[in-house]
Amino acid sequence: MRLPNAAHDDHPWRIHDIAPDFTVEDVWALPVNGGAGDFPRLVELMAASDPANADSLPTRVLWRVRDRLGRTLRLGRIAAPAEGGATLPIPGTHETSLAERLPEDLRGTAAGVEFVSLLFTPLYRTDVEFAAELSNPTVHGVMHLGWVERGGGRYQGQMAVLVKPRGRFGAAYMAAIAPFRHAIVYPALMRQIEGAWNRRMTVVPPS
């Protein structure tokens, strides 16, 4: 279920201090529930996700078309492997990564996380929060995962997407793909996450 931006903004996440100049593009309640110690499983699940091979045919087609266009039009790829080692500055800054802004206690906390298919680079992880960044010629983006307490020792996953578009073209691109993200890509991703989470929790009981 898509949530209002306030569901992310009103929570005391560490990302607020790290990326105050980024805009919250989307917030989603994930179909993922568990105990206080289950957040690492959500991080592992998201790192292993592969939209290019999703169960949803429209999602697979859109993802592969976008990746092909990225190579052809130099918009940047959205699936592994990454091309070259070039980095672009975060729009409006001289920084190339939000890792440069991390406080000492968060540095190296996500070193063990590796994305299988997506071109995100992990930034940090706590007991209830994880962030990873992506940079391409259209946008510098952040995927933020939160583990939100719902009472009674139960928690639910939440995902927010934060962005800084690269100029007018980047902003126009984000606006153009928004209907496809909301109507096709994210709903299919939610179903994929729900199925994968339920399978994991069936094998390993929640903490």
C-alpha atoms as a PDB file:
ATOM      1  CA  MET A   1       0.000   0.000   0.000  1.00  0.00           C
ATOM      2  CA  ARG A   2       1.301   3.429  -0.898  1.00  0.00           C
ATOM      3  CA  LEU A   3       1.568   5.780   2.072  1.00  0.00           C
ATOM      4  CA  PRO A   4       1.647   9.578   2.403  1.00  0.00           C
ATOM      5  CA  ASN A   5       5.144  11.058   2.615  1.00  0.00           C
ATOM      6  CA  ALA A   6       4.468  11.954   6.240  1.00  0.00           C
ATOM      7  CA  ALA A   7       4.725   8.257   7.126  1.00  0.00           C
ATOM      8  CA  HIS A   8       8.434   8.608   6.379  1.00  0.00           C
ATOM      9  CA  ASP A   9       8.998  12.263   7.254  1.00  0.00           C
ATOM     10  CA  ASP A  10       7.472  12.023  10.741  1.00  0.00           C
ATOM     11  CA  HIS A  11       9.635   9.078  11.825  1.00  0.00           C
ATOM     12  CA  PRO A  12      13.041   9.857  13.412  1.00  0.00           C
ATOM     13  CA  TRP A  13      15.108   8.043  10.781  1.00  0.00           C
ATOM     14  CA  ARG A  14      18.826   8.737  10.538  1.00  0.00           C
ATOM     15  CA  ILE A  15      18.467   9.382   6.797  1.00  0.00           C
ATOM     16  CA  HIS A  16      16.834  12.756   7.557  1.00  0.00           C
ATOM     17  CA  ASP A  17      20.166  14.137   8.752  1.00  0.00           C
ATOM     18  CA  ILE A  18      22.144  12.462   5.969  1.00  0.00           C
ATOM     19  CA  ALA A  19      20.005  13.472   2.984  1.00  0.00           C
ATOM     20  CA  PRO A  20      18.041  16.596   3.992  1.00  0.00           C
ATOM     21  CA  ASP A  21      18.372  17.974   0.453  1.00  0.00           C
ATOM     22  CA  PHE A  22      16.646  14.949  -1.119  1.00  0.00           C
ATOM     23  CA  THR A  23      12.919  14.786  -1.925  1.00  0.00           C
ATOM     24  CA  VAL A  24      10.729  11.879  -0.827  1.00  0.00           C
ATOM     25  CA  GLU A  25       9.328  10.455  -4.062  1.00  0.00           C
ATOM     26  CA  ASP A  26       7.378   7.453  -2.757  1.00  0.00           C
ATOM     27  CA  VAL A  27       6.593   5.709   0.526  1.00  0.00           C
ATOM     28  CA  TRP A  28       5.232   2.163   0.653  1.00  0.00           C
ATOM     29  CA  ALA A  29       4.059  -0.095   3.471  1.00  0.00           C
ATOM     30  CA  LEU A  30       5.643  -3.438   2.694  1.00  0.00           C
ATOM     31  CA  PRO A  31       3.643  -6.693   3.066  1.00  0.00           C
ATOM     32  CA  VAL A  32       6.242  -7.814   5.591  1.00  0.00           C
ATOM     33  CA  ASN A  33       5.645  -8.337   9.316  1.00  0.00           C
ATOM     34  CA  GLY A  34       7.798  -9.832  12.024  1.00  0.00           C
ATOM     35  CA  GLY A  35       9.499  -9.432  15.356  1.00  0.00           C
ATOM     36  CA  ALA A  36      12.141  -6.996  16.505  1.00  0.00           C
ATOM     37  CA  GLY A  37      14.994  -9.185  15.265  1.00  0.00           C
ATOM     38  CA  ASP A  38      13.656  -9.899  11.783  1.00  0.00           C
ATOM     39  CA  PHE A  39      14.802  -6.735  10.032  1.00  0.00           C
ATOM     40  CA  PRO A  40      18.030  -8.290   8.657  1.00  0.00           C
ATOM     41  CA  ARG A  41      15.888 -10.769   6.713  1.00  0.00           C
ATOM     42  CA  LEU A  42      14.089  -7.901   4.994  1.00  0.00           C
ATOM     43  CA  VAL A  43      17.412  -6.315   4.016  1.00  0.00           C
ATOM     44  CA  GLU A  44      18.630  -9.649   2.609  1.00  0.00           C
ATOM     45  CA  LEU A  45      15.380 -10.139   0.699  1.00  0.00           C
ATOM     46  CA  MET A  46      15.544  -6.699  -0.917  1.00  0.00           C
ATOM     47  CA  ALA A  47      19.212  -7.134  -1.808  1.00  0.00           C
ATOM     48  CA  ALA A  48      18.352 -10.395  -3.579  1.00  0.00           C
ATOM     49  CA  SER A  49      15.393  -8.973  -5.557  1.00  0.00           C
ATOM     50  CA  ASP A  50      15.549  -9.180  -9.347  1.00  0.00           C
ATOM     51  CA  PRO A  51      12.759  -7.192 -11.090  1.00  0.00           C
ATOM     52  CA  ALA A  52      14.113  -8.161 -14.528  1.00  0.00           C
ATOM     53  CA  ASN A  53      13.005 -11.719 -13.759  1.00  0.00           C
ATOM     54  CA  ALA A  54       9.866 -10.931 -11.755  1.00  0.00           C
ATOM     55  CA  ASP A  55       6.747 -13.086 -11.943  1.00  0.00           C
ATOM     56  CA  SER A  56       4.862 -10.154 -13.472  1.00  0.00           C
ATOM     57  CA  LEU A  57       5.299 -10.042 -17.249  1.00  0.00           C
ATOM     58  CA  PRO A  58       4.617  -6.261 -17.532  1.00  0.00           C
ATOM     59  CA  THR A  59       7.228  -5.614 -14.851  1.00  0.00           C
ATOM     60  CA  ARG A  60       9.812  -7.763 -16.610  1.00  0.00           C
ATOM     61  CA  VAL A  61       9.137  -6.035 -19.922  1.00  0.00           C
ATOM     62  CA  LEU A  62       9.262  -2.501 -18.467  1.00  0.00           C
ATOM     63  CA  TRP A  63      12.419  -3.227 -16.510  1.00  0.00           C
ATOM     64  CA  ARG A  64      14.254  -4.752 -19.460  1.00  0.00           C
ATOM     65  CA  VAL A  65      13.113  -2.005 -21.852  1.00  0.00           C
ATOM     66  CA  ARG A  66      14.304   0.675 -19.392  1.00  0.00           C
ATOM     67  CA  ASP A  67      17.647  -1.065 -18.988  1.00  0.00           C
ATOM     68  CA  ARG A  68      18.086  -1.331 -22.752  1.00  0.00           C
ATOM     69  CA  LEU A  69      17.167   2.330 -23.223  1.00  0.00           C
ATOM     70  CA  GLY A  70      19.614   3.198 -20.499  1.00  0.00           C
ATOM     71  CA  ARG A  71      22.425   1.613 -22.459  1.00  0.00           C
ATOM     72  CA  THR A  72      21.304   3.038 -25.803  1.00  0.00           C
ATOM     73  CA  LEU A  73      20.481   6.606 -24.711  1.00  0.00           C
ATOM     74  CA  ARG A  74      23.109   6.789 -21.961  1.00  0.00           C
ATOM     75  CA  LEU A  75      20.527   7.240 -19.222  1.00  0.00           C
ATOM     76  CA  GLY A  76      22.368   4.816 -16.984  1.00  0.00           C
ATOM     77  CA  ARG A  77      21.510   1.194 -16.389  1.00  0.00           C
ATOM     78  CA  ILE A  78      19.216  -0.030 -13.614  1.00  0.00           C
ATOM     79  CA  ALA A  79      20.392  -3.649 -13.565  1.00  0.00           C
ATOM     80  CA  ALA A  80      23.771  -5.280 -13.022  1.00  0.00           C
ATOM     81  CA  PRO A  81      26.458  -5.342 -14.197  1.00  0.00           C
ATOM     82  CA  ALA A  82      27.470  -1.740 -13.724  1.00  0.00           C
ATOM     83  CA  GLU A  83      29.185  -0.044 -16.622  1.00  0.00           C
ATOM     84  CA  GLY A  84      32.639   1.246 -15.890  1.00  0.00           C
ATOM     85  CA  GLY A  85      33.514   2.986 -12.666  1.00  0.00           C
ATOM     86  CA  ALA A  86      32.502   6.554 -13.455  1.00  0.00           C
ATOM     87  CA  THR A  87      30.681   8.484 -10.755  1.00  0.00           C
ATOM     88  CA  LEU A  88      28.600  11.635 -10.988  1.00  0.00           C
ATOM     89  CA  PRO A  89      28.294  14.293  -8.292  1.00  0.00           C
ATOM     90  CA  ILE A  90      25.086  14.494  -6.315  1.00  0.00           C
ATOM     91  CA  PRO A  91      23.122  17.327  -7.981  1.00  0.00           C
ATOM     92  CA  GLY A  92      23.974  20.662  -6.423  1.00  0.00           C
ATOM     93  CA  THR A  93      27.057  19.359  -4.602  1.00  0.00           C
ATOM     94  CA  HIS A  94      30.614  18.214  -5.203  1.00  0.00           C
ATOM     95  CA  GLU A  95      29.986  14.926  -3.403  1.00  0.00           C
ATOM     96  CA  THR A  96      29.725  11.714  -5.396  1.00  0.00           C
ATOM     97  CA  SER A  97      28.194   9.608  -2.627  1.00  0.00           C
ATOM     98  CA  LEU A  98      26.144  10.069   0.524  1.00  0.00           C
ATOM     99  CA  ALA A  99      28.724   7.864   2.200  1.00  0.00           C
ATOM    100  CA  GLU A 100      30.782  11.055   2.553  1.00  0.00           C
ATOM    101  CA  ARG A 101      28.088  12.406   4.893  1.00  0.00           C
ATOM    102  CA  LEU A 102      27.796   9.383   7.186  1.00  0.00           C
ATOM    103  CA  PRO A 103      28.590   9.934  10.855  1.00  0.00           C
ATOM    104  CA  GLU A 104      31.290   7.706  12.292  1.00  0.00           C
ATOM    105  CA  ASP A 105      28.883   5.303  14.019  1.00  0.00           C
ATOM    106  CA  LEU A 106      27.205   4.397  10.698  1.00  0.00           C
ATOM    107  CA  ARG A 107      30.314   3.922   8.569  1.00  0.00           C
ATOM    108  CA  GLY A 108      30.860   0.327   7.506  1.00  0.00           C
ATOM    109  CA  THR A 109      27.626  -0.930   9.054  1.00  0.00           C
ATOM    110  CA  ALA A 110      26.280  -2.236   5.712  1.00  0.00           C
ATOM    111  CA  ALA A 111      29.549  -3.734   4.494  1.00  0.00           C
ATOM    112  CA  GLY A 112      28.089  -7.243   4.358  1.00  0.00           C
ATOM    113  CA  VAL A 113      25.122  -6.340   2.116  1.00  0.00           C
ATOM    114  CA  GLU A 114      25.502  -7.133  -1.600  1.00  0.00           C
ATOM    115  CA  PHE A 115      22.833  -6.455  -4.207  1.00  0.00           C
ATOM    116  CA  VAL A 116      22.445  -9.336  -6.647  1.00  0.00           C
ATOM    117  CA  SER A 117      20.787  -7.500  -9.543  1.00  0.00           C
ATOM    118  CA  LEU A 118      20.039  -3.889  -8.673  1.00  0.00           C
ATOM    119  CA  LEU A 119      22.710  -1.216  -8.991  1.00  0.00           C
ATOM    120  CA  PHE A 120      22.341   0.087  -5.453  1.00  0.00           C
ATOM    121  CA  THR A 121      25.353   0.667  -3.238  1.00  0.00           C
ATOM    122  CA  PRO A 122      24.700   0.059   0.486  1.00  0.00           C
ATOM    123  CA  LEU A 123      25.183   3.084   2.739  1.00  0.00           C
ATOM    124  CA  TYR A 124      24.393   2.002   6.294  1.00  0.00           C
ATOM    125  CA  ARG A 125      22.327  -0.342   8.428  1.00  0.00           C
ATOM    126  CA  THR A 126      20.987  -0.208  11.983  1.00  0.00           C
ATOM    127  CA  ASP A 127      18.601  -2.499  13.867  1.00  0.00           C
ATOM    128  CA  VAL A 128      15.608  -0.752  12.276  1.00  0.00           C
ATOM    129  CA  GLU A 129      16.930   1.120   9.234  1.00  0.00           C
ATOM    130  CA  PHE A 130      18.829   0.517   6.003  1.00  0.00           C
ATOM    131  CA  ALA A 131      19.747   2.812   3.126  1.00  0.00           C
ATOM    132  CA  ALA A 132      21.367   2.296  -0.265  1.00  0.00           C
ATOM    133  CA  GLU A 133      22.038   4.751  -3.088  1.00  0.00           C
ATOM    134  CA  LEU A 134      21.946   4.698  -6.876  1.00  0.00           C
ATOM    135  CA  SER A 135      23.442   7.235  -9.242  1.00  0.00           C
ATOM    136  CA  ASN A 136      22.876   7.576 -12.989  1.00  0.00           C
ATOM    137  CA  PRO A 137      22.579  10.404 -15.558  1.00  0.00           C
ATOM    138  CA  THR A 138      18.925  11.081 -14.645  1.00  0.00           C
ATOM    139  CA  VAL A 139      18.891  10.989 -10.845  1.00  0.00           C
ATOM    140  CA  HIS A 140      20.734  10.314  -7.607  1.00  0.00           C
ATOM    141  CA  GLY A 141      18.390   8.167  -5.572  1.00  0.00           C
ATOM    142  CA  VAL A 142      18.136   6.454  -2.206  1.00  0.00           C
ATOM    143  CA  MET A 143      16.186   3.359  -1.249  1.00  0.00           C
ATOM    144  CA  HIS A 144      15.382   3.520   2.460  1.00  0.00           C
ATOM    145  CA  LEU A 145      14.006   0.574   4.416  1.00  0.00           C
ATOM    146  CA  GLY A 146      12.535   1.000   7.883  1.00  0.00           C
ATOM    147  CA  TRP A 147      11.310  -1.464  10.498  1.00  0.00           C
ATOM    148  CA  VAL A 148       8.286   0.269  12.061  1.00  0.00           C
ATOM    149  CA  GLU A 149       6.932  -0.875  15.423  1.00  0.00           C
ATOM    150  CA  ARG A 150       3.201  -1.578  15.328  1.00  0.00           C
ATOM    151  CA  GLY A 151       2.710  -2.533  18.963  1.00  0.00           C
ATOM    152  CA  GLY A 152       2.753  -5.822  20.816  1.00  0.00           C
ATOM    153  CA  GLY A 153       6.314  -6.530  19.739  1.00  0.00           C
ATOM    154  CA  ARG A 154       5.317  -6.640  16.075  1.00  0.00           C
ATOM    155  CA  TYR A 155       7.016  -4.696  13.296  1.00  0.00           C
ATOM    156  CA  GLN A 156       6.251  -3.916   9.654  1.00  0.00           C
ATOM    157  CA  GLY A 157       8.587  -3.062   6.801  1.00  0.00           C
ATOM    158  CA  GLN A 158       8.381   0.318   5.114  1.00  0.00           C
ATOM    159  CA  MET A 159      10.181   1.542   2.011  1.00  0.00           C
ATOM    160  CA  ALA A 160      10.816   5.117   0.937  1.00  0.00           C
ATOM    161  CA  VAL A 161      12.431   6.357  -2.265  1.00  0.00           C
ATOM    162  CA  LEU A 162      14.312   9.658  -2.035  1.00  0.00           C
ATOM    163  CA  VAL A 163      15.647  11.464  -5.088  1.00  0.00           C
ATOM    164  CA  LYS A 164      17.597  14.409  -6.464  1.00  0.00           C
ATOM    165  CA  PRO A 165      16.899  14.642 -10.219  1.00  0.00           C
ATOM    166  CA  ARG A 166      19.652  15.861 -12.531  1.00  0.00           C
ATOM    167  CA  GLY A 167      18.217  19.085 -13.900  1.00  0.00           C
ATOM    168  CA  ARG A 168      15.022  19.520 -15.870  1.00  0.00           C
ATOM    169  CA  PHE A 169      15.535  16.367 -17.876  1.00  0.00           C
ATOM    170  CA  GLY A 170      15.877  14.256 -14.722  1.00  0.00           C
ATOM    171  CA  ALA A 171      12.756  15.824 -13.196  1.00  0.00           C
ATOM    172  CA  ALA A 172      10.780  15.277 -16.420  1.00  0.00           C
ATOM    173  CA  TYR A 173      11.969  11.682 -16.589  1.00  0.00           C
ATOM    174  CA  MET A 174      10.861  10.970 -13.005  1.00  0.00           C
ATOM    175  CA  ALA A 175       7.449  12.514 -13.705  1.00  0.00           C
ATOM    176  CA  ALA A 176       7.042  10.509 -16.920  1.00  0.00           C
ATOM    177  CA  ILE A 177       7.726   7.124 -15.335  1.00  0.00           C
ATOM    178  CA  ALA A 178       5.696   7.762 -12.152  1.00  0.00           C
ATOM    179  CA  PRO A 179       2.431   6.270 -13.534  1.00  0.00           C
ATOM    180  CA  PHE A 180       4.243   3.079 -14.557  1.00  0.00           C
ATOM    181  CA  ARG A 181       5.954   2.785 -11.169  1.00  0.00           C
ATOM    182  CA  HIS A 182       2.729   3.236  -9.237  1.00  0.00           C
ATOM    183  CA  ALA A 183       0.437   1.119 -11.421  1.00  0.00           C
ATOM    184  CA  ILE A 184       2.728  -1.716 -12.506  1.00  0.00           C
ATOM    185  CA  VAL A 185       6.225  -1.894 -11.046  1.00  0.00           C
ATOM    186  CA  TYR A 186       5.612  -1.315  -7.336  1.00  0.00           C
ATOM    187  CA  PRO A 187       2.425  -3.433  -7.021  1.00  0.00           C
ATOM    188  CA  ALA A 188       4.233  -6.335  -8.707  1.00  0.00           C
ATOM    189  CA  LEU A 189       7.251  -5.765  -6.445  1.00  0.00           C
ATOM    190  CA  MET A 190       4.984  -5.872  -3.386  1.00  0.00           C
ATOM    191  CA  ARG A 191       3.559  -9.229  -4.448  1.00  0.00           C
ATOM    192  CA  GLN A 192       7.053 -10.571  -5.067  1.00  0.00           C
ATOM    193  CA  ILE A 193       8.248  -9.350  -1.665  1.00  0.00           C
ATOM    194  CA  GLU A 194       5.211 -10.807   0.099  1.00  0.00           C
ATOM    195  CA  GLY A 195       5.702 -14.235  -1.460  1.00  0.00           C
ATOM    196  CA  ALA A 196       9.428 -14.298  -0.732  1.00  0.00           C
ATOM    197  CA  TRP A 197       8.895 -13.107   2.859  1.00  0.00           C
ATOM    198  CA  ASN A 198       6.224 -15.695   3.585  1.00  0.00           C
ATOM    199  CA  ARG A 199       8.468 -18.446   2.271  1.00  0.00           C
ATOM    200  CA  ARG A 200      11.333 -17.280   4.481  1.00  0.00           C
ATOM    201  CA  MET A 201       9.180 -16.974   7.573  1.00  0.00           C
ATOM    202  CA  THR A 202       7.722 -20.447   6.984  1.00  0.00           C
ATOM    203  CA  VAL A 203      11.226 -21.906   7.028  1.00  0.00           C
ATOM    204  CA  VAL A 204      12.496 -19.801   9.937  1.00  0.00           C
ATOM    205  CA  PRO A 205       9.953 -18.798  12.635  1.00  0.00           C
ATOM    206  CA  PRO A 206       9.780 -15.087  13.407  1.00  0.00           C
ATOM    207  CA  SER A 207      11.776 -13.868  16.396  1.00  0.00           C
END
